[in-house]
Protein backbone atom coordinates (compact mmCIF):
# COMPACT_ATOMS: atom_id res chain seq x y z
CA UNK A 1 0.80 -15.54 6.34
CA UNK A 2 -2.04 -13.06 6.94
CA UNK A 3 -2.15 -9.63 8.50
CA UNK A 4 -4.24 -8.76 11.56
CA UNK A 5 -7.29 -8.22 9.32
CA UNK A 6 -6.84 -11.72 7.83
CA UNK A 7 -5.66 -10.44 4.43
CA UNK A 8 -2.85 -12.10 2.42
CA UNK A 9 0.66 -11.04 3.44
CA UNK A 10 3.72 -12.53 1.76
CA UNK A 11 7.42 -11.85 2.25
CA UNK A 12 10.65 -13.66 1.37
CA UNK A 13 13.72 -14.05 3.57
CA UNK A 14 16.43 -16.55 2.67
CA UNK A 15 19.80 -15.63 4.21
CA UNK A 16 21.85 -18.79 4.95
CA UNK A 17 19.02 -21.03 3.71
CA UNK A 18 19.79 -19.87 0.18
CA UNK A 19 18.04 -17.81 -2.45
CA UNK A 20 17.46 -20.86 -4.64
CA UNK A 21 14.52 -21.83 -2.42
CA UNK A 22 12.42 -19.28 -4.33
CA UNK A 23 14.18 -18.49 -7.60
CA UNK A 24 16.72 -20.19 -9.88
CA UNK A 25 20.21 -18.84 -9.20
CA UNK A 26 23.80 -19.70 -8.59
CA UNK A 27 23.36 -20.17 -4.87
CA UNK A 28 26.52 -18.53 -3.59
CA UNK A 29 26.73 -15.05 -2.15
CA UNK A 30 30.09 -14.35 -3.81
CA UNK A 31 28.30 -14.26 -7.16
CA UNK A 32 26.68 -10.83 -7.49
CA UNK A 33 25.29 -9.49 -10.78
CA UNK A 34 27.41 -6.49 -11.79
CA UNK A 35 24.48 -4.63 -13.32
CA UNK A 36 21.87 -5.22 -10.69
CA UNK A 37 18.65 -7.15 -11.16
CA UNK A 38 14.99 -6.81 -12.07
CA UNK A 39 12.06 -8.41 -10.26
CA UNK A 40 8.63 -8.62 -11.93
CA UNK A 41 5.63 -9.69 -9.85
CA UNK A 42 1.99 -10.13 -10.87
CA UNK A 43 -0.58 -10.05 -8.08
CA UNK A 44 -4.33 -9.52 -7.64
CA UNK A 45 -5.00 -5.80 -8.11
CA UNK A 46 -6.30 -5.60 -4.54
CA UNK A 47 -2.73 -6.15 -3.31
CA UNK A 48 0.61 -4.34 -3.77
CA UNK A 49 3.94 -5.97 -4.64
CA UNK A 50 7.19 -4.42 -3.40
CA UNK A 51 10.78 -5.35 -4.24
CA UNK A 52 14.30 -3.94 -4.42
CA UNK A 53 15.25 -0.67 -6.06
CA UNK A 54 12.99 1.59 -8.09
CA UNK A 55 9.48 0.87 -9.27
CA UNK A 56 9.91 1.23 -13.03
CA UNK A 57 6.47 0.05 -14.17
CA UNK A 58 3.03 -0.74 -12.80
CA UNK A 59 0.69 -2.26 -15.36
CA UNK A 60 -2.88 -3.51 -15.10
CA UNK A 61 -3.46 -6.94 -16.61
CA UNK A 62 -6.24 -9.39 -17.32
CA UNK A 63 -8.40 -11.03 -14.66
CA UNK A 64 -8.05 -8.13 -12.20
CA UNK A 65 -4.27 -8.40 -11.84
CA UNK A 66 -1.50 -5.85 -11.51
CA UNK A 67 2.13 -6.33 -12.53
CA UNK A 68 4.93 -4.49 -10.70
CA UNK A 69 8.42 -4.19 -12.16
CA UNK A 70 11.24 -3.24 -9.81
CA UNK A 71 14.87 -2.65 -10.79
CA UNK A 72 18.21 -2.45 -8.97
CA UNK A 73 21.18 -0.99 -10.84
CA UNK A 74 23.88 -1.73 -8.26
CA UNK A 75 25.48 -5.15 -7.65
CA UNK A 76 23.35 -7.13 -5.19
CA UNK A 77 23.91 -10.36 -3.29
CA UNK A 78 21.39 -13.08 -4.06
CA UNK A 79 19.91 -13.28 -0.55
CA UNK A 80 19.42 -9.51 -0.66
CA UNK A 81 16.84 -9.86 -3.43
CA UNK A 82 13.30 -10.07 -2.12
CA UNK A 83 9.64 -9.35 -2.61
CA UNK A 84 6.69 -8.48 -0.40
CA UNK A 85 2.97 -8.65 -1.18
CA UNK A 86 0.24 -7.16 0.96
CA UNK A 87 -2.16 -4.29 1.59
CA UNK A 88 0.65 -1.79 1.43
CA UNK A 89 0.48 1.96 1.19
CA UNK A 90 3.45 4.14 0.28
CA UNK A 91 4.60 7.07 2.41
CA UNK A 92 7.33 9.20 0.84
CA UNK A 93 9.75 11.15 3.04
CA UNK A 94 12.67 12.32 0.86
CA UNK A 95 15.93 12.65 2.78
CA UNK A 96 18.92 14.89 2.06
CA UNK A 97 22.08 12.98 2.90
CA UNK A 98 25.78 13.62 2.45
CA UNK A 99 25.63 12.46 -1.18
CA UNK A 100 22.54 14.51 -2.06
CA UNK A 101 18.83 13.81 -2.17
CA UNK A 102 17.94 10.23 -1.24
CA UNK A 103 14.42 9.12 -2.23
CA UNK A 104 13.18 7.51 0.99
CA UNK A 105 9.85 5.70 1.26
CA UNK A 106 7.96 3.54 3.71
CA UNK A 107 5.73 0.72 2.48
CA UNK A 108 3.53 -0.20 5.41
CA UNK A 109 0.27 -2.06 5.88
CA UNK A 110 -2.53 0.49 5.64
CA UNK A 111 -3.46 0.27 9.32
CA UNK A 112 0.16 1.01 10.36
CA UNK A 113 0.34 4.43 8.68
CA UNK A 114 0.14 6.49 11.87
CA UNK A 115 2.63 4.25 13.70
CA UNK A 116 5.03 4.68 10.80
CA UNK A 117 4.72 8.47 10.90
CA UNK A 118 5.24 8.61 14.66
CA UNK A 119 7.97 5.98 15.07
CA UNK A 120 9.49 4.57 11.91
CA UNK A 121 10.00 7.69 9.81
CA UNK A 122 11.76 9.95 12.36
CA UNK A 123 13.89 7.08 13.68
CA UNK A 124 14.90 6.02 10.18
CA UNK A 125 15.98 9.55 9.29
CA UNK A 126 17.99 9.85 12.50
CA UNK A 127 19.60 6.44 11.93
CA UNK A 128 20.63 7.27 8.35
CA UNK A 129 22.12 10.55 9.55
CA UNK A 130 24.15 8.71 12.18
CA UNK A 131 25.29 5.91 9.85
CA UNK A 132 26.34 8.35 7.15
CA UNK A 133 28.29 10.36 9.71
CA UNK A 134 30.24 7.32 10.93
CA UNK A 135 30.39 5.10 7.83
CA UNK A 136 30.05 7.41 4.83
CA UNK A 137 27.30 7.87 2.30
CA UNK A 138 24.49 5.38 1.96
CA UNK A 139 25.90 3.04 -0.71
CA UNK A 140 22.89 2.82 -3.05
CA UNK A 141 21.50 6.30 -3.72
CA UNK A 142 20.69 5.27 -7.32
CA UNK A 143 18.38 2.51 -6.07
CA UNK A 144 16.61 4.64 -3.46
CA UNK A 145 15.79 3.29 0.02
CA UNK A 146 12.60 1.88 1.43
CA UNK A 147 11.49 0.31 4.71
CA UNK A 148 8.84 -2.39 4.31
CA UNK A 149 6.48 -3.92 6.88
CA UNK A 150 7.34 -7.60 7.22
CA UNK A 151 5.71 -10.50 9.10
CA UNK A 152 9.07 -11.46 10.60
CA UNK A 153 11.47 -9.44 12.77
CA UNK A 154 13.67 -7.95 10.05
CA UNK A 155 16.09 -8.51 7.18
CA UNK A 156 18.69 -6.44 5.32
CA UNK A 157 17.21 -6.72 1.85
CA UNK A 158 19.24 -4.25 -0.19
CA UNK A 159 17.30 -0.98 -0.69
CA UNK A 160 14.08 -2.71 0.53
CA UNK A 161 14.77 -3.32 4.22
CA UNK A 162 12.31 -5.59 6.04
CA UNK A 163 11.01 -4.18 9.31
CA UNK A 164 9.01 -6.16 11.87
CA UNK A 165 9.90 -4.79 15.31
CA UNK A 166 6.30 -3.78 16.07
CA UNK A 167 7.11 -0.03 16.03
CA UNK A 168 8.77 -0.29 19.41
CA UNK A 169 12.12 0.58 20.98
CA UNK A 170 14.45 -2.18 22.05
CA UNK A 171 13.79 -5.67 20.70
CA UNK A 172 10.00 -6.06 20.42
CA UNK A 173 9.73 -3.56 23.28
CA UNK A 174 12.26 -5.29 25.54
CA UNK A 175 15.75 -4.29 26.64
CA UNK A 176 17.76 -7.41 25.82
CA UNK A 177 20.97 -5.67 26.92
CA UNK A 178 19.76 -5.45 30.50
CA UNK A 179 21.43 -2.05 30.82
CA UNK A 180 18.62 0.39 30.10
CA UNK A 181 20.34 1.57 26.94
CA UNK A 182 18.50 -1.00 24.86
CA UNK A 183 15.26 0.96 25.18
CA UNK A 184 16.75 4.16 23.79
CA UNK A 185 16.60 3.02 20.15
CA UNK A 186 14.86 0.59 17.82
CA UNK A 187 17.47 -2.15 17.66
CA UNK A 188 16.07 -3.87 14.55
CA UNK A 189 15.81 -0.63 12.59
CA UNK A 190 19.41 0.31 13.39
CA UNK A 191 20.74 -3.21 12.81
CA UNK A 192 19.06 -3.81 9.46
CA UNK A 193 19.87 -0.36 8.09
CA UNK A 194 23.51 -0.75 9.10
CA UNK A 195 23.60 -3.88 6.94
CA UNK A 196 23.38 -1.65 3.86
CA UNK A 197 27.04 -0.90 4.57
CA UNK A 198 28.11 -4.26 6.08
CA UNK A 199 26.52 -7.18 4.26
CA UNK A 200 25.25 -5.38 1.19
CA UNK A 201 27.92 -2.87 0.14
CA UNK A 202 30.58 -5.16 1.65
CA UNK A 203 29.59 -8.80 1.11
CA UNK A 204 31.76 -11.72 2.19
CA UNK A 205 32.50 -14.55 -0.21
CA UNK A 206 32.53 -17.21 2.51
CA UNK A 207 29.70 -17.76 4.98
CA UNK A 208 32.36 -18.50 7.59
CA UNK A 209 33.04 -14.75 7.58
CA UNK A 210 29.47 -13.87 8.47
CA UNK A 211 30.84 -11.96 11.47
CA UNK A 212 31.81 -9.16 9.07
CA UNK A 213 28.15 -8.70 8.24
CA UNK A 214 26.77 -9.11 11.74
CA UNK A 215 29.57 -7.89 14.00
CA UNK A 216 29.66 -4.32 12.72
CA UNK A 217 25.89 -3.97 12.79
CA UNK A 218 25.37 -5.30 16.34
């Protein structure tokens, strides 16, 4: 798709459909690589490529290209692997959690920087604090944590969570609960971050047990 300034904006999301729609893999979520994964993406140097885990290399290439190499060291389900390409900027807001210092960053389209500072960053920090209190330490400290602007509503990509709730409380600014409580938090932010515990750290072998992923994050 394209962002609001008509610039290229690409993002993957393949839960249920299957990760094999965009890369060769054993297309079953019970099969997780024990030693993580590496994603290498080459894009025009006017754009930025984001993926799971840590950015281990950024290298200029021929014909005005840039190659980004990202690496996850923890086991990861195949639909949790992803990439994003767009006019991203990086905002770093390190967070001290119950397991120590967690490198926390926000990769947002350049024109969303102020919205991220006002809405996404403080609400993410508060949500992590709450989830760690109730569920234990964030499971992937070694891989860091990032929130990434996405052209769709959201997705629990491990350590690279897709966010598309328009920087609003509720669901796209609406209270779908009908109780008033739905406007007191950003439902997509909370839901997708909670998936780091249920869906990513704990992944079902059978899609029939999807309720374990979704039920505890509702």
